[in-house]
PDB file of N, CA and C in Angstrom:
ATOM      1  N   UNK A   1       0.872  -1.159   0.041  1.00  0.00           N
ATOM      2  CA  UNK A   1      -0.013   0.000  -0.037  1.00  0.00           C
ATOM      3  C   UNK A   1       0.848   1.225   0.050  1.00  0.00           C
ATOM      4  N   UNK A   2       0.575   2.158  -0.794  1.00  0.00           N
ATOM      5  CA  UNK A   2       1.169   3.453  -0.734  1.00  0.00           C
ATOM      6  C   UNK A   2       0.122   4.468  -0.452  1.00  0.00           C
ATOM      7  N   UNK A   3       0.388   5.399   0.368  1.00  0.00           N
ATOM      8  CA  UNK A   3      -0.540   6.538   0.662  1.00  0.00           C
ATOM      9  C   UNK A   3       0.222   7.843   0.313  1.00  0.00           C
ATOM     10  N   UNK A   4      -0.445   8.613  -0.364  1.00  0.00           N
ATOM     11  CA  UNK A   4      -0.079   9.871  -0.718  1.00  0.00           C
ATOM     12  C   UNK A   4      -1.022  10.943  -0.241  1.00  0.00           C
ATOM     13  N   UNK A   5      -0.550  11.943   0.578  1.00  0.00           N
ATOM     14  CA  UNK A   5      -1.239  12.964   1.094  1.00  0.00           C
ATOM     15  C   UNK A   5      -0.843  14.282   0.840  1.00  0.00           C
ATOM     16  N   UNK A   6      -1.826  15.204   0.370  1.00  0.00           N
ATOM     17  CA  UNK A   6      -1.547  16.573   0.095  1.00  0.00           C
ATOM     18  C   UNK A   6      -2.604  17.475   0.531  1.00  0.00           C
ATOM     19  N   UNK A   7      -2.157  18.741   0.330  1.00  0.00           N
ATOM     20  CA  UNK A   7      -3.244  19.904   0.785  1.00  0.00           C
ATOM     21  C   UNK A   7      -3.604  20.552  -0.442  1.00  0.00           C
ATOM     22  N   UNK A   8      -4.801  20.930  -0.723  1.00  0.00           N
ATOM     23  CA  UNK A   8      -5.462  21.686  -1.723  1.00  0.00           C
ATOM     24  C   UNK A   8      -6.107  22.861  -1.064  1.00  0.00           C
ATOM     25  N   UNK A   9      -5.434  24.033  -1.325  1.00  0.00           N
ATOM     26  CA  UNK A   9      -5.877  25.410  -0.626  1.00  0.00           C
ATOM     27  C   UNK A   9      -7.145  25.716  -1.136  1.00  0.00           C
ATOM     28  N   UNK A  10      -7.435  25.398  -2.493  1.00  0.00           N
ATOM     29  CA  UNK A  10      -8.607  25.918  -3.151  1.00  0.00           C
ATOM     30  C   UNK A  10      -9.983  25.162  -2.588  1.00  0.00           C
ATOM     31  N   UNK A  11      -9.835  24.213  -1.833  1.00  0.00           N
ATOM     32  CA  UNK A  11     -10.948  23.593  -1.285  1.00  0.00           C
ATOM     33  C   UNK A  11     -11.275  23.820   0.234  1.00  0.00           C
ATOM     34  N   UNK A  12     -12.537  23.750   0.652  1.00  0.00           N
ATOM     35  CA  UNK A  12     -12.879  24.136   2.062  1.00  0.00           C
ATOM     36  C   UNK A  12     -12.112  23.039   2.969  1.00  0.00           C
ATOM     37  N   UNK A  13     -12.176  21.693   2.594  1.00  0.00           N
ATOM     38  CA  UNK A  13     -11.385  20.666   3.365  1.00  0.00           C
ATOM     39  C   UNK A  13     -10.165  20.369   2.512  1.00  0.00           C
ATOM     40  N   UNK A  14      -9.028  20.948   2.828  1.00  0.00           N
ATOM     41  CA  UNK A  14      -7.789  20.992   1.959  1.00  0.00           C
ATOM     42  C   UNK A  14      -7.179  19.531   1.991  1.00  0.00           C
ATOM     43  N   UNK A  15      -7.481  18.726   2.963  1.00  0.00           N
ATOM     44  CA  UNK A  15      -6.781  17.512   3.023  1.00  0.00           C
ATOM     45  C   UNK A  15      -7.260  16.441   1.908  1.00  0.00           C
ATOM     46  N   UNK A  16      -6.302  15.827   1.247  1.00  0.00           N
ATOM     47  CA  UNK A  16      -6.586  14.800   0.318  1.00  0.00           C
ATOM     48  C   UNK A  16      -5.570  13.648   0.421  1.00  0.00           C
ATOM     49  N   UNK A  17      -6.099  12.503   0.207  1.00  0.00           N
ATOM     50  CA  UNK A  17      -5.123  11.221   0.284  1.00  0.00           C
ATOM     51  C   UNK A  17      -5.586  10.281  -0.878  1.00  0.00           C
ATOM     52  N   UNK A  18      -4.554   9.805  -1.497  1.00  0.00           N
ATOM     53  CA  UNK A  18      -4.666   8.744  -2.433  1.00  0.00           C
ATOM     54  C   UNK A  18      -4.093   7.486  -1.952  1.00  0.00           C
ATOM     55  N   UNK A  19      -4.784   6.380  -1.851  1.00  0.00           N
ATOM     56  CA  UNK A  19      -4.339   5.071  -1.389  1.00  0.00           C
ATOM     57  C   UNK A  19      -4.279   4.243  -2.563  1.00  0.00           C
ATOM     58  N   UNK A  20      -3.125   3.648  -2.691  1.00  0.00           N
ATOM     59  CA  UNK A  20      -2.889   2.609  -3.858  1.00  0.00           C
ATOM     60  C   UNK A  20      -2.529   1.277  -3.246  1.00  0.00           C
ATOM     61  N   UNK A  21      -3.329   0.227  -3.582  1.00  0.00           N
ATOM     62  CA  UNK A  21      -3.064  -1.066  -2.689  1.00  0.00           C
ATOM     63  C   UNK A  21      -3.169  -2.150  -3.803  1.00  0.00           C
ATOM     64  N   UNK A  22      -2.427  -3.365  -3.584  1.00  0.00           N
ATOM     65  CA  UNK A  22      -2.542  -4.451  -4.346  1.00  0.00           C
ATOM     66  C   UNK A  22      -3.249  -5.521  -3.403  1.00  0.00           C
ATOM     67  N   UNK A  23      -3.982  -6.445  -4.072  1.00  0.00           N
ATOM     68  CA  UNK A  23      -4.486  -7.586  -3.326  1.00  0.00           C
ATOM     69  C   UNK A  23      -3.592  -8.813  -3.676  1.00  0.00           C
ATOM     70  N   UNK A  24      -4.105  -9.899  -3.129  1.00  0.00           N
ATOM     71  CA  UNK A  24      -3.372 -11.108  -3.207  1.00  0.00           C
ATOM     72  C   UNK A  24      -3.049 -11.523  -4.577  1.00  0.00           C
ATOM     73  N   UNK A  25      -3.906 -11.148  -5.646  1.00  0.00           N
ATOM     74  CA  UNK A  25      -3.716 -11.509  -6.937  1.00  0.00           C
ATOM     75  C   UNK A  25      -2.900 -10.513  -7.784  1.00  0.00           C
ATOM     76  N   UNK A  26      -2.442  -9.451  -7.067  1.00  0.00           N
ATOM     77  CA  UNK A  26      -1.657  -8.443  -7.610  1.00  0.00           C
ATOM     78  C   UNK A  26      -2.440  -7.321  -8.366  1.00  0.00           C
ATOM     79  N   UNK A  27      -3.743  -7.306  -8.083  1.00  0.00           N
ATOM     80  CA  UNK A  27      -4.639  -6.222  -8.687  1.00  0.00           C
ATOM     81  C   UNK A  27      -4.610  -5.049  -8.004  1.00  0.00           C
ATOM     82  N   UNK A  28      -4.228  -3.980  -8.583  1.00  0.00           N
ATOM     83  CA  UNK A  28      -4.147  -2.647  -8.023  1.00  0.00           C
ATOM     84  C   UNK A  28      -5.554  -2.033  -7.861  1.00  0.00           C
ATOM     85  N   UNK A  29      -5.658  -1.246  -6.800  1.00  0.00           N
ATOM     86  CA  UNK A  29      -6.883  -0.549  -6.606  1.00  0.00           C
ATOM     87  C   UNK A  29      -6.479   0.891  -5.907  1.00  0.00           C
ATOM     88  N   UNK A  30      -7.107   1.886  -6.403  1.00  0.00           N
ATOM     89  CA  UNK A  30      -6.830   3.263  -5.773  1.00  0.00           C
ATOM     90  C   UNK A  30      -8.017   3.868  -5.374  1.00  0.00           C
ATOM     91  N   UNK A  31      -7.993   4.538  -4.181  1.00  0.00           N
ATOM     92  CA  UNK A  31      -9.068   5.309  -3.744  1.00  0.00           C
ATOM     93  C   UNK A  31      -8.444   6.798  -3.369  1.00  0.00           C
ATOM     94  N   UNK A  32      -9.379   7.791  -3.647  1.00  0.00           N
ATOM     95  CA  UNK A  32      -8.976   9.126  -3.254  1.00  0.00           C
ATOM     96  C   UNK A  32     -10.049   9.618  -2.238  1.00  0.00           C
ATOM     97  N   UNK A  33      -9.617  10.176  -1.069  1.00  0.00           N
ATOM     98  CA  UNK A  33     -10.526  10.681  -0.069  1.00  0.00           C
ATOM     99  C   UNK A  33     -10.128  11.846   0.536  1.00  0.00           C
ATOM    100  N   UNK A  34     -11.095  12.678   1.114  1.00  0.00           N
ATOM    101  CA  UNK A  34     -10.841  13.887   1.878  1.00  0.00           C
ATOM    102  C   UNK A  34     -11.327  13.775   3.229  1.00  0.00           C
ATOM    103  N   UNK A  35     -11.449  12.475   3.666  1.00  0.00           N
ATOM    104  CA  UNK A  35     -12.066  11.983   4.816  1.00  0.00           C
ATOM    105  C   UNK A  35     -11.067  11.157   5.656  1.00  0.00           C
ATOM    106  N   UNK A  36     -10.460  11.747   6.706  1.00  0.00           N
ATOM    107  CA  UNK A  36      -9.394  10.885   7.348  1.00  0.00           C
ATOM    108  C   UNK A  36      -9.963   9.590   8.015  1.00  0.00           C
ATOM    109  N   UNK A  37     -11.212   9.427   8.416  1.00  0.00           N
ATOM    110  CA  UNK A  37     -11.734   8.310   8.865  1.00  0.00           C
ATOM    111  C   UNK A  37     -11.914   7.285   7.766  1.00  0.00           C
ATOM    112  N   UNK A  38     -12.150   7.791   6.538  1.00  0.00           N
ATOM    113  CA  UNK A  38     -12.281   6.799   5.462  1.00  0.00           C
ATOM    114  C   UNK A  38     -10.935   6.240   4.998  1.00  0.00           C
ATOM    115  N   UNK A  39      -9.972   7.030   5.090  1.00  0.00           N
ATOM    116  CA  UNK A  39      -8.526   6.660   4.878  1.00  0.00           C
ATOM    117  C   UNK A  39      -8.128   5.631   5.902  1.00  0.00           C
ATOM    118  N   UNK A  40      -8.396   5.879   7.160  1.00  0.00           N
ATOM    119  CA  UNK A  40      -8.093   4.999   8.262  1.00  0.00           C
ATOM    120  C   UNK A  40      -8.812   3.613   7.933  1.00  0.00           C
ATOM    121  N   UNK A  41     -10.026   3.594   7.710  1.00  0.00           N
ATOM    122  CA  UNK A  41     -10.666   2.438   7.520  1.00  0.00           C
ATOM    123  C   UNK A  41     -10.196   1.653   6.463  1.00  0.00           C
ATOM    124  N   UNK A  42      -9.863   2.193   5.323  1.00  0.00           N
ATOM    125  CA  UNK A  42      -9.238   1.561   4.222  1.00  0.00           C
ATOM    126  C   UNK A  42      -7.984   0.983   4.489  1.00  0.00           C
ATOM    127  N   UNK A  43      -7.170   1.546   5.307  1.00  0.00           N
ATOM    128  CA  UNK A  43      -5.834   1.062   5.746  1.00  0.00           C
ATOM    129  C   UNK A  43      -6.101  -0.087   6.688  1.00  0.00           C
ATOM    130  N   UNK A  44      -7.191   0.030   7.606  1.00  0.00           N
ATOM    131  CA  UNK A  44      -7.393  -1.114   8.449  1.00  0.00           C
ATOM    132  C   UNK A  44      -7.953  -2.385   7.686  1.00  0.00           C
ATOM    133  N   UNK A  45      -8.822  -2.169   6.638  1.00  0.00           N
ATOM    134  CA  UNK A  45      -9.451  -3.295   5.949  1.00  0.00           C
ATOM    135  C   UNK A  45      -8.314  -4.034   5.203  1.00  0.00           C
ATOM    136  N   UNK A  46      -7.320  -3.236   4.522  1.00  0.00           N
ATOM    137  CA  UNK A  46      -6.305  -3.705   3.727  1.00  0.00           C
ATOM    138  C   UNK A  46      -5.319  -4.615   4.716  1.00  0.00           C
ATOM    139  N   UNK A  47      -4.966  -4.013   5.924  1.00  0.00           N
ATOM    140  CA  UNK A  47      -4.091  -4.682   6.828  1.00  0.00           C
ATOM    141  C   UNK A  47      -4.798  -6.034   7.371  1.00  0.00           C
ATOM    142  N   UNK A  48      -6.176  -5.936   7.614  1.00  0.00           N
ATOM    143  CA  UNK A  48      -6.818  -7.197   7.916  1.00  0.00           C
ATOM    144  C   UNK A  48      -6.934  -8.231   6.837  1.00  0.00           C
ATOM    145  N   UNK A  49      -6.986  -7.912   5.547  1.00  0.00           N
ATOM    146  CA  UNK A  49      -6.919  -8.771   4.554  1.00  0.00           C
ATOM    147  C   UNK A  49      -5.509  -9.376   4.435  1.00  0.00           C
ATOM    148  N   UNK A  50      -4.446  -8.521   4.625  1.00  0.00           N
ATOM    149  CA  UNK A  50      -3.044  -9.044   4.534  1.00  0.00           C
ATOM    150  C   UNK A  50      -2.943 -10.276   5.765  1.00  0.00           C
ATOM    151  N   UNK A  51      -3.326  -9.868   7.026  1.00  0.00           N
ATOM    152  CA  UNK A  51      -3.238 -10.741   8.023  1.00  0.00           C
ATOM    153  C   UNK A  51      -4.110 -12.077   7.686  1.00  0.00           C
ATOM    154  N   UNK A  52      -5.204 -12.002   7.185  1.00  0.00           N
ATOM    155  CA  UNK A  52      -6.075 -13.124   6.835  1.00  0.00           C
ATOM    156  C   UNK A  52      -5.352 -13.909   5.852  1.00  0.00           C
ATOM    157  N   UNK A  53      -4.708 -13.407   4.790  1.00  0.00           N
ATOM    158  CA  UNK A  53      -4.050 -14.173   3.790  1.00  0.00           C
ATOM    159  C   UNK A  53      -2.789 -14.797   4.353  1.00  0.00           C
ATOM    160  N   UNK A  54      -2.171 -14.038   5.149  1.00  0.00           N
ATOM    161  CA  UNK A  54      -0.920 -14.690   5.766  1.00  0.00           C
ATOM    162  C   UNK A  54      -1.334 -15.792   6.708  1.00  0.00           C
ATOM    163  N   UNK A  55      -2.282 -15.717   7.462  1.00  0.00           N
ATOM    164  CA  UNK A  55      -2.880 -16.764   8.364  1.00  0.00           C
ATOM    165  C   UNK A  55      -3.301 -18.012   7.499  1.00  0.00           C
ATOM    166  N   UNK A  56      -4.096 -17.872   6.509  1.00  0.00           N
ATOM    167  CA  UNK A  56      -4.471 -18.885   5.658  1.00  0.00           C
ATOM    168  C   UNK A  56      -3.151 -19.677   5.034  1.00  0.00           C
ATOM    169  N   UNK A  57      -2.148 -19.040   4.826  1.00  0.00           N
ATOM    170  CA  UNK A  57      -0.953 -19.662   4.230  1.00  0.00           C
ATOM    171  C   UNK A  57      -0.154 -20.548   5.218  1.00  0.00           C
ATOM    172  N   UNK A  58      -0.228 -20.094   6.652  1.00  0.00           N
ATOM    173  CA  UNK A  58       0.402 -20.712   7.654  1.00  0.00           C
ATOM    174  C   UNK A  58      -0.450 -21.905   8.022  1.00  0.00           C
ATOM    175  N   UNK A  59      -1.667 -22.040   7.789  1.00  0.00           N
ATOM    176  CA  UNK A  59      -2.490 -23.207   8.349  1.00  0.00           C
ATOM    177  C   UNK A  59      -2.541 -24.265   7.182  1.00  0.00           C
ATOM    178  N   UNK A  60      -2.084 -24.089   5.965  1.00  0.00           N
ATOM    179  CA  UNK A  60      -2.028 -25.068   4.957  1.00  0.00           C
ATOM    180  C   UNK A  60      -0.790 -25.973   5.180  1.00  0.00           C
ATOM    181  N   UNK A  61      -0.941 -27.300   4.888  1.00  0.00           N
ATOM    182  CA  UNK A  61       0.192 -28.074   4.999  1.00  0.00           C
ATOM    183  C   UNK A  61       1.132 -27.777   3.876  1.00  0.00           C
ATOM    184  N   UNK A  62       2.505 -28.016   3.981  1.00  0.00           N
ATOM    185  CA  UNK A  62       3.472 -27.736   2.942  1.00  0.00           C
ATOM    186  C   UNK A  62       3.250 -28.382   1.574  1.00  0.00           C
ATOM    187  N   UNK A  63       2.514 -29.459   1.631  1.00  0.00           N
ATOM    188  CA  UNK A  63       2.246 -30.246   0.305  1.00  0.00           C
ATOM    189  C   UNK A  63       0.900 -29.832  -0.083  1.00  0.00           C
ATOM    190  N   UNK A  64       0.167 -28.833   0.308  1.00  0.00           N
ATOM    191  CA  UNK A  64      -1.072 -28.428  -0.227  1.00  0.00           C
ATOM    192  C   UNK A  64      -0.943 -27.882  -1.606  1.00  0.00           C
ATOM    193  N   UNK A  65      -1.907 -28.198  -2.556  1.00  0.00           N
ATOM    194  CA  UNK A  65      -1.830 -27.524  -3.871  1.00  0.00           C
ATOM    195  C   UNK A  65      -1.840 -26.156  -3.932  1.00  0.00           C
ATOM    196  N   UNK A  66      -0.880 -25.578  -4.818  1.00  0.00           N
ATOM    197  CA  UNK A  66      -0.688 -24.148  -4.910  1.00  0.00           C
ATOM    198  C   UNK A  66      -1.913 -23.360  -5.208  1.00  0.00           C
ATOM    199  N   UNK A  67      -2.981 -23.947  -5.860  1.00  0.00           N
ATOM    200  CA  UNK A  67      -4.163 -23.263  -6.017  1.00  0.00           C
ATOM    201  C   UNK A  67      -4.895 -22.935  -4.696  1.00  0.00           C
ATOM    202  N   UNK A  68      -4.720 -23.616  -3.823  1.00  0.00           N
ATOM    203  CA  UNK A  68      -5.201 -23.274  -2.432  1.00  0.00           C
ATOM    204  C   UNK A  68      -4.457 -22.175  -1.692  1.00  0.00           C
ATOM    205  N   UNK A  69      -3.269 -21.821  -2.172  1.00  0.00           N
ATOM    206  CA  UNK A  69      -2.505 -20.994  -1.392  1.00  0.00           C
ATOM    207  C   UNK A  69      -2.786 -19.452  -1.904  1.00  0.00           C
ATOM    208  N   UNK A  70      -3.510 -19.378  -2.993  1.00  0.00           N
ATOM    209  CA  UNK A  70      -3.871 -17.950  -3.565  1.00  0.00           C
ATOM    210  C   UNK A  70      -4.869 -17.258  -2.874  1.00  0.00           C
TER     211      UNK A  70
END
């Protein structure tokens, strides 16, 4: 995940953030927000997905088919 934050003086709420993230399949997604709570929620969701993915890899036996690891 990459988070870019900047200020736009021409808007009432000058804060802006762009989050670019990749999922387990390598698919990139970007969101732009002017809401700090929305940015934090997106980071929490992405981190939770990373933890879930990592946990699922740990619980599979070493000889499990690679299709189950994605």
